[in-house]
Amino acid sequence: MESSHSSQVDELLKSYAAGKRDFREIDLSQADLSGLNLKGADLSYADFSEANLNSANLRGSDLSYANLNEADLTQTDLRGTSLLGTDLRGAILEDAELAEADFDDTTHFPTGFNPNN
């Protein structure tokens, strides 16, 4: 993880703890966000490509048009999340919770991944 991302992650956590939920267009590509709680956050158009979101709580978040290409979403809580237009190509979705997630034909899942299972 780049040092600039470390300070960005710290600022994100402080802002979230203070009640901020609007993080549209944030760039945290390649950042380590494992285990973070960003439940209900607006993360639309964000760049999380190659980020580690293992075991993160993103339940009810807006990830519309976000870039999660090659992100690690192992055991991530994505229940009720908006994934409209989200790029998940190459993402690791092992044991990710996708119940009630909102996606459509503009959502790009990894090859061979069936979000309905």
N, C-alpha and C. Protein backbone atom coordinates (compact mmCIF):
# COMPACT_ATOMS: atom_id res chain seq x y z
N MET A 1 0.83 -1.18 0.00
CA MET A 1 0.00 0.00 0.00
C MET A 1 0.88 1.24 0.00
N GLU A 2 0.54 2.18 -0.82
CA GLU A 2 1.30 3.42 -0.89
C GLU A 2 1.05 4.24 0.37
N SER A 3 2.06 5.03 0.80
CA SER A 3 1.91 5.81 2.02
C SER A 3 0.79 6.83 1.91
N SER A 4 0.55 7.37 0.71
CA SER A 4 -0.54 8.34 0.54
C SER A 4 -1.88 7.68 0.84
N HIS A 5 -2.01 6.39 0.54
CA HIS A 5 -3.26 5.70 0.83
C HIS A 5 -3.45 5.50 2.32
N SER A 6 -2.38 5.31 3.07
CA SER A 6 -2.49 5.14 4.50
C SER A 6 -3.13 6.36 5.15
N SER A 7 -2.70 7.55 4.77
CA SER A 7 -3.29 8.76 5.33
C SER A 7 -4.71 8.96 4.81
N GLN A 8 -4.98 8.56 3.57
CA GLN A 8 -6.34 8.65 3.03
C GLN A 8 -7.28 7.72 3.77
N VAL A 9 -6.83 6.51 4.08
CA VAL A 9 -7.64 5.56 4.82
C VAL A 9 -7.92 6.10 6.22
N ASP A 10 -6.91 6.67 6.88
CA ASP A 10 -7.11 7.27 8.20
C ASP A 10 -8.14 8.39 8.15
N GLU A 11 -8.05 9.24 7.15
CA GLU A 11 -8.99 10.35 6.99
C GLU A 11 -10.40 9.82 6.71
N LEU A 12 -10.50 8.78 5.87
CA LEU A 12 -11.78 8.16 5.58
C LEU A 12 -12.43 7.64 6.86
N LEU A 13 -11.67 6.94 7.68
CA LEU A 13 -12.20 6.39 8.92
C LEU A 13 -12.63 7.48 9.90
N LYS A 14 -11.86 8.55 10.00
CA LYS A 14 -12.23 9.67 10.87
C LYS A 14 -13.51 10.33 10.38
N SER A 15 -13.61 10.55 9.09
CA SER A 15 -14.80 11.18 8.51
C SER A 15 -16.03 10.29 8.70
N TYR A 16 -15.86 8.99 8.48
CA TYR A 16 -16.97 8.05 8.65
C TYR A 16 -17.42 8.04 10.12
N ALA A 17 -16.47 8.00 11.03
CA ALA A 17 -16.81 7.99 12.46
C ALA A 17 -17.53 9.27 12.87
N ALA A 18 -17.24 10.37 12.17
CA ALA A 18 -17.88 11.66 12.47
C ALA A 18 -19.25 11.79 11.80
N GLY A 19 -19.66 10.75 11.06
CA GLY A 19 -20.98 10.75 10.46
C GLY A 19 -21.04 11.01 8.97
N LYS A 20 -19.90 11.29 8.35
CA LYS A 20 -19.89 11.52 6.90
C LYS A 20 -20.12 10.19 6.19
N ARG A 21 -20.92 10.21 5.14
CA ARG A 21 -21.19 9.00 4.37
C ARG A 21 -20.93 9.20 2.88
N ASP A 22 -20.64 10.41 2.45
CA ASP A 22 -20.43 10.72 1.03
C ASP A 22 -18.94 10.66 0.69
N PHE A 23 -18.55 9.57 0.04
CA PHE A 23 -17.16 9.38 -0.38
C PHE A 23 -17.08 9.10 -1.88
N ARG A 24 -18.02 9.69 -2.62
CA ARG A 24 -18.04 9.51 -4.08
C ARG A 24 -16.69 9.88 -4.69
N GLU A 25 -16.30 9.08 -5.67
CA GLU A 25 -15.10 9.30 -6.49
C GLU A 25 -13.78 9.22 -5.71
N ILE A 26 -13.80 8.66 -4.50
CA ILE A 26 -12.56 8.50 -3.74
C ILE A 26 -11.66 7.49 -4.46
N ASP A 27 -10.37 7.72 -4.44
CA ASP A 27 -9.41 6.82 -5.07
C ASP A 27 -8.61 6.11 -3.99
N LEU A 28 -8.94 4.84 -3.79
CA LEU A 28 -8.21 4.01 -2.84
C LEU A 28 -7.75 2.73 -3.52
N SER A 29 -7.35 2.86 -4.77
CA SER A 29 -6.82 1.71 -5.49
C SER A 29 -5.59 1.20 -4.75
N GLN A 30 -5.49 -0.09 -4.65
CA GLN A 30 -4.39 -0.81 -4.01
C GLN A 30 -4.30 -0.58 -2.51
N ALA A 31 -5.30 0.03 -1.90
CA ALA A 31 -5.27 0.30 -0.46
C ALA A 31 -5.69 -0.94 0.34
N ASP A 32 -5.24 -1.02 1.57
CA ASP A 32 -5.65 -2.09 2.47
C ASP A 32 -6.82 -1.59 3.32
N LEU A 33 -8.01 -2.06 2.98
CA LEU A 33 -9.24 -1.67 3.67
C LEU A 33 -9.88 -2.88 4.33
N SER A 34 -9.08 -3.91 4.58
CA SER A 34 -9.62 -5.15 5.13
C SER A 34 -10.25 -4.90 6.49
N GLY A 35 -11.45 -5.48 6.66
CA GLY A 35 -12.14 -5.40 7.93
C GLY A 35 -12.81 -4.07 8.24
N LEU A 36 -12.74 -3.09 7.35
CA LEU A 36 -13.34 -1.79 7.61
C LEU A 36 -14.85 -1.83 7.57
N ASN A 37 -15.47 -0.96 8.36
CA ASN A 37 -16.92 -0.81 8.35
C ASN A 37 -17.27 0.49 7.64
N LEU A 38 -17.82 0.37 6.43
CA LEU A 38 -18.30 1.52 5.67
C LEU A 38 -19.77 1.32 5.31
N LYS A 39 -20.49 0.70 6.23
CA LYS A 39 -21.91 0.39 6.03
C LYS A 39 -22.68 1.66 5.68
N GLY A 40 -23.44 1.59 4.57
CA GLY A 40 -24.30 2.70 4.17
C GLY A 40 -23.60 3.87 3.52
N ALA A 41 -22.33 3.74 3.18
CA ALA A 41 -21.58 4.84 2.58
C ALA A 41 -21.87 4.97 1.08
N ASP A 42 -21.77 6.19 0.58
CA ASP A 42 -21.87 6.44 -0.86
C ASP A 42 -20.46 6.37 -1.42
N LEU A 43 -20.18 5.26 -2.08
CA LEU A 43 -18.86 5.00 -2.67
C LEU A 43 -18.98 4.92 -4.19
N SER A 44 -20.02 5.55 -4.72
CA SER A 44 -20.22 5.50 -6.17
C SER A 44 -19.05 6.18 -6.89
N TYR A 45 -18.71 5.63 -8.02
CA TYR A 45 -17.61 6.11 -8.88
C TYR A 45 -16.24 6.04 -8.20
N ALA A 46 -16.13 5.33 -7.08
CA ALA A 46 -14.85 5.21 -6.38
C ALA A 46 -13.93 4.24 -7.11
N ASP A 47 -12.64 4.37 -6.86
CA ASP A 47 -11.65 3.46 -7.44
C ASP A 47 -11.06 2.61 -6.33
N PHE A 48 -11.47 1.35 -6.30
CA PHE A 48 -10.93 0.37 -5.36
C PHE A 48 -10.21 -0.75 -6.12
N SER A 49 -9.73 -0.45 -7.32
CA SER A 49 -9.05 -1.49 -8.10
C SER A 49 -7.84 -2.00 -7.32
N GLU A 50 -7.72 -3.31 -7.29
CA GLU A 50 -6.63 -4.01 -6.61
C GLU A 50 -6.57 -3.74 -5.11
N ALA A 51 -7.65 -3.22 -4.52
CA ALA A 51 -7.68 -2.96 -3.08
C ALA A 51 -8.02 -4.24 -2.31
N ASN A 52 -7.62 -4.27 -1.05
CA ASN A 52 -7.95 -5.39 -0.17
C ASN A 52 -9.14 -4.97 0.69
N LEU A 53 -10.31 -5.51 0.37
CA LEU A 53 -11.54 -5.24 1.12
C LEU A 53 -12.01 -6.52 1.83
N ASN A 54 -11.07 -7.42 2.07
CA ASN A 54 -11.38 -8.68 2.73
C ASN A 54 -12.08 -8.43 4.06
N SER A 55 -13.26 -9.06 4.22
CA SER A 55 -14.05 -8.99 5.45
C SER A 55 -14.56 -7.59 5.78
N ALA A 56 -14.61 -6.70 4.81
CA ALA A 56 -15.14 -5.35 5.05
C ALA A 56 -16.67 -5.40 5.12
N ASN A 57 -17.26 -4.44 5.82
CA ASN A 57 -18.71 -4.32 5.90
C ASN A 57 -19.13 -3.16 4.99
N LEU A 58 -19.66 -3.50 3.82
CA LEU A 58 -20.15 -2.50 2.87
C LEU A 58 -21.66 -2.61 2.72
N ARG A 59 -22.31 -3.23 3.68
CA ARG A 59 -23.74 -3.49 3.62
C ARG A 59 -24.52 -2.19 3.39
N GLY A 60 -25.40 -2.21 2.37
CA GLY A 60 -26.24 -1.07 2.08
C GLY A 60 -25.52 0.12 1.46
N SER A 61 -24.28 -0.08 1.05
CA SER A 61 -23.51 1.01 0.43
C SER A 61 -23.86 1.17 -1.04
N ASP A 62 -23.55 2.32 -1.57
CA ASP A 62 -23.73 2.59 -2.99
C ASP A 62 -22.37 2.47 -3.67
N LEU A 63 -22.19 1.40 -4.42
CA LEU A 63 -20.96 1.16 -5.18
C LEU A 63 -21.22 1.29 -6.67
N SER A 64 -22.26 2.03 -7.03
CA SER A 64 -22.60 2.20 -8.45
C SER A 64 -21.42 2.80 -9.21
N TYR A 65 -21.09 2.18 -10.31
CA TYR A 65 -20.04 2.63 -11.22
C TYR A 65 -18.65 2.68 -10.56
N ALA A 66 -18.48 1.99 -9.45
CA ALA A 66 -17.18 1.92 -8.80
C ALA A 66 -16.29 0.92 -9.55
N ASN A 67 -14.99 1.12 -9.44
CA ASN A 67 -14.02 0.22 -10.04
C ASN A 67 -13.47 -0.69 -8.94
N LEU A 68 -13.88 -1.95 -8.97
CA LEU A 68 -13.40 -2.95 -8.03
C LEU A 68 -12.65 -4.05 -8.77
N ASN A 69 -12.11 -3.69 -9.92
CA ASN A 69 -11.37 -4.63 -10.75
C ASN A 69 -10.18 -5.18 -9.96
N GLU A 70 -10.15 -6.50 -9.83
CA GLU A 70 -9.08 -7.23 -9.14
C GLU A 70 -9.00 -6.92 -7.65
N ALA A 71 -10.10 -6.43 -7.06
CA ALA A 71 -10.14 -6.21 -5.61
C ALA A 71 -10.39 -7.53 -4.89
N ASP A 72 -9.91 -7.63 -3.67
CA ASP A 72 -10.16 -8.81 -2.85
C ASP A 72 -11.38 -8.52 -1.98
N LEU A 73 -12.50 -9.16 -2.31
CA LEU A 73 -13.75 -8.99 -1.59
C LEU A 73 -14.14 -10.27 -0.83
N THR A 74 -13.15 -11.07 -0.50
CA THR A 74 -13.38 -12.30 0.24
C THR A 74 -14.09 -12.00 1.55
N GLN A 75 -15.21 -12.67 1.79
CA GLN A 75 -16.02 -12.55 3.00
C GLN A 75 -16.51 -11.13 3.25
N THR A 76 -16.61 -10.32 2.20
CA THR A 76 -17.11 -8.95 2.34
C THR A 76 -18.63 -8.94 2.36
N ASP A 77 -19.21 -8.13 3.22
CA ASP A 77 -20.66 -8.01 3.33
C ASP A 77 -21.14 -6.96 2.33
N LEU A 78 -21.74 -7.45 1.25
CA LEU A 78 -22.28 -6.59 0.19
C LEU A 78 -23.81 -6.67 0.14
N ARG A 79 -24.43 -7.14 1.21
CA ARG A 79 -25.88 -7.27 1.23
C ARG A 79 -26.55 -5.91 1.07
N GLY A 80 -27.52 -5.86 0.15
CA GLY A 80 -28.27 -4.63 -0.07
C GLY A 80 -27.49 -3.52 -0.75
N THR A 81 -26.34 -3.86 -1.29
CA THR A 81 -25.47 -2.87 -1.92
C THR A 81 -25.90 -2.60 -3.36
N SER A 82 -25.76 -1.35 -3.81
CA SER A 82 -26.01 -1.02 -5.20
C SER A 82 -24.74 -1.26 -6.00
N LEU A 83 -24.83 -2.18 -6.96
CA LEU A 83 -23.69 -2.53 -7.81
C LEU A 83 -23.98 -2.21 -9.28
N LEU A 84 -24.85 -1.24 -9.53
CA LEU A 84 -25.20 -0.87 -10.90
C LEU A 84 -23.99 -0.28 -11.62
N GLY A 85 -23.59 -0.92 -12.72
CA GLY A 85 -22.46 -0.43 -13.50
C GLY A 85 -21.11 -0.66 -12.86
N THR A 86 -21.05 -1.42 -11.78
CA THR A 86 -19.80 -1.65 -11.06
C THR A 86 -18.90 -2.62 -11.81
N ASP A 87 -17.60 -2.33 -11.84
CA ASP A 87 -16.63 -3.20 -12.50
C ASP A 87 -16.00 -4.12 -11.46
N LEU A 88 -16.42 -5.38 -11.48
CA LEU A 88 -15.90 -6.40 -10.57
C LEU A 88 -15.06 -7.44 -11.31
N ARG A 89 -14.66 -7.11 -12.54
CA ARG A 89 -13.86 -8.08 -13.31
C ARG A 89 -12.56 -8.37 -12.57
N GLY A 90 -12.28 -9.63 -12.42
CA GLY A 90 -11.06 -10.05 -11.75
C GLY A 90 -11.13 -9.97 -10.24
N ALA A 91 -12.26 -9.53 -9.69
CA ALA A 91 -12.39 -9.44 -8.23
C ALA A 91 -12.50 -10.83 -7.62
N ILE A 92 -12.05 -10.96 -6.39
CA ILE A 92 -12.17 -12.20 -5.64
C ILE A 92 -13.42 -12.05 -4.77
N LEU A 93 -14.43 -12.84 -5.06
CA LEU A 93 -15.72 -12.74 -4.37
C LEU A 93 -16.03 -13.98 -3.53
N GLU A 94 -15.01 -14.70 -3.14
CA GLU A 94 -15.19 -15.93 -2.37
C GLU A 94 -15.86 -15.63 -1.03
N ASP A 95 -16.99 -16.29 -0.79
CA ASP A 95 -17.76 -16.14 0.44
C ASP A 95 -18.28 -14.70 0.68
N ALA A 96 -18.34 -13.89 -0.38
CA ALA A 96 -18.92 -12.55 -0.25
C ALA A 96 -20.43 -12.69 -0.13
N GLU A 97 -21.04 -11.85 0.69
CA GLU A 97 -22.49 -11.85 0.91
C GLU A 97 -23.12 -10.88 -0.09
N LEU A 98 -23.94 -11.39 -1.02
CA LEU A 98 -24.55 -10.55 -2.06
C LEU A 98 -26.07 -10.53 -1.99
N ALA A 99 -26.67 -11.04 -0.91
CA ALA A 99 -28.13 -11.08 -0.81
C ALA A 99 -28.70 -9.66 -0.93
N GLU A 100 -29.72 -9.54 -1.77
CA GLU A 100 -30.42 -8.29 -2.01
C GLU A 100 -29.55 -7.19 -2.62
N ALA A 101 -28.37 -7.54 -3.13
CA ALA A 101 -27.55 -6.56 -3.84
C ALA A 101 -28.25 -6.21 -5.15
N ASP A 102 -28.16 -4.97 -5.57
CA ASP A 102 -28.83 -4.49 -6.77
C ASP A 102 -27.81 -4.39 -7.89
N PHE A 103 -27.99 -5.20 -8.94
CA PHE A 103 -27.08 -5.19 -10.08
C PHE A 103 -27.90 -5.37 -11.34
N ASP A 104 -27.31 -5.06 -12.49
CA ASP A 104 -28.01 -5.23 -13.76
C ASP A 104 -27.01 -5.64 -14.84
N ASP A 105 -27.43 -5.54 -16.09
CA ASP A 105 -26.54 -5.98 -17.17
C ASP A 105 -25.35 -5.06 -17.39
N THR A 106 -25.28 -3.92 -16.70
CA THR A 106 -24.10 -3.05 -16.80
C THR A 106 -23.06 -3.37 -15.71
N THR A 107 -23.42 -4.28 -14.79
CA THR A 107 -22.50 -4.72 -13.75
C THR A 107 -21.59 -5.78 -14.36
N HIS A 108 -20.30 -5.64 -14.17
CA HIS A 108 -19.32 -6.57 -14.75
C HIS A 108 -18.75 -7.46 -13.65
N PHE A 109 -19.27 -8.69 -13.59
CA PHE A 109 -18.78 -9.68 -12.63
C PHE A 109 -17.60 -10.44 -13.23
N PRO A 110 -16.80 -11.11 -12.38
CA PRO A 110 -15.70 -11.93 -12.90
C PRO A 110 -16.25 -13.02 -13.83
N THR A 111 -15.45 -13.42 -14.80
CA THR A 111 -15.83 -14.48 -15.73
C THR A 111 -16.21 -15.73 -14.95
N GLY A 112 -17.37 -16.27 -15.27
CA GLY A 112 -17.84 -17.49 -14.65
C GLY A 112 -18.54 -17.30 -13.32
N PHE A 113 -18.58 -16.09 -12.80
CA PHE A 113 -19.22 -15.84 -11.50
C PHE A 113 -20.73 -15.64 -11.70
N ASN A 114 -21.51 -16.34 -10.89
CA ASN A 114 -22.96 -16.20 -10.95
C ASN A 114 -23.43 -15.53 -9.66
N PRO A 115 -23.84 -14.27 -9.73
CA PRO A 115 -24.24 -13.54 -8.52
C PRO A 115 -25.53 -14.04 -7.90
N ASN A 116 -26.27 -14.87 -8.61
CA ASN A 116 -27.54 -15.38 -8.09
C ASN A 116 -27.39 -16.64 -7.26
N ASN A 117 -26.16 -17.12 -7.09
CA ASN A 117 -25.92 -18.34 -6.28
C ASN A 117 -25.54 -17.97 -4.88
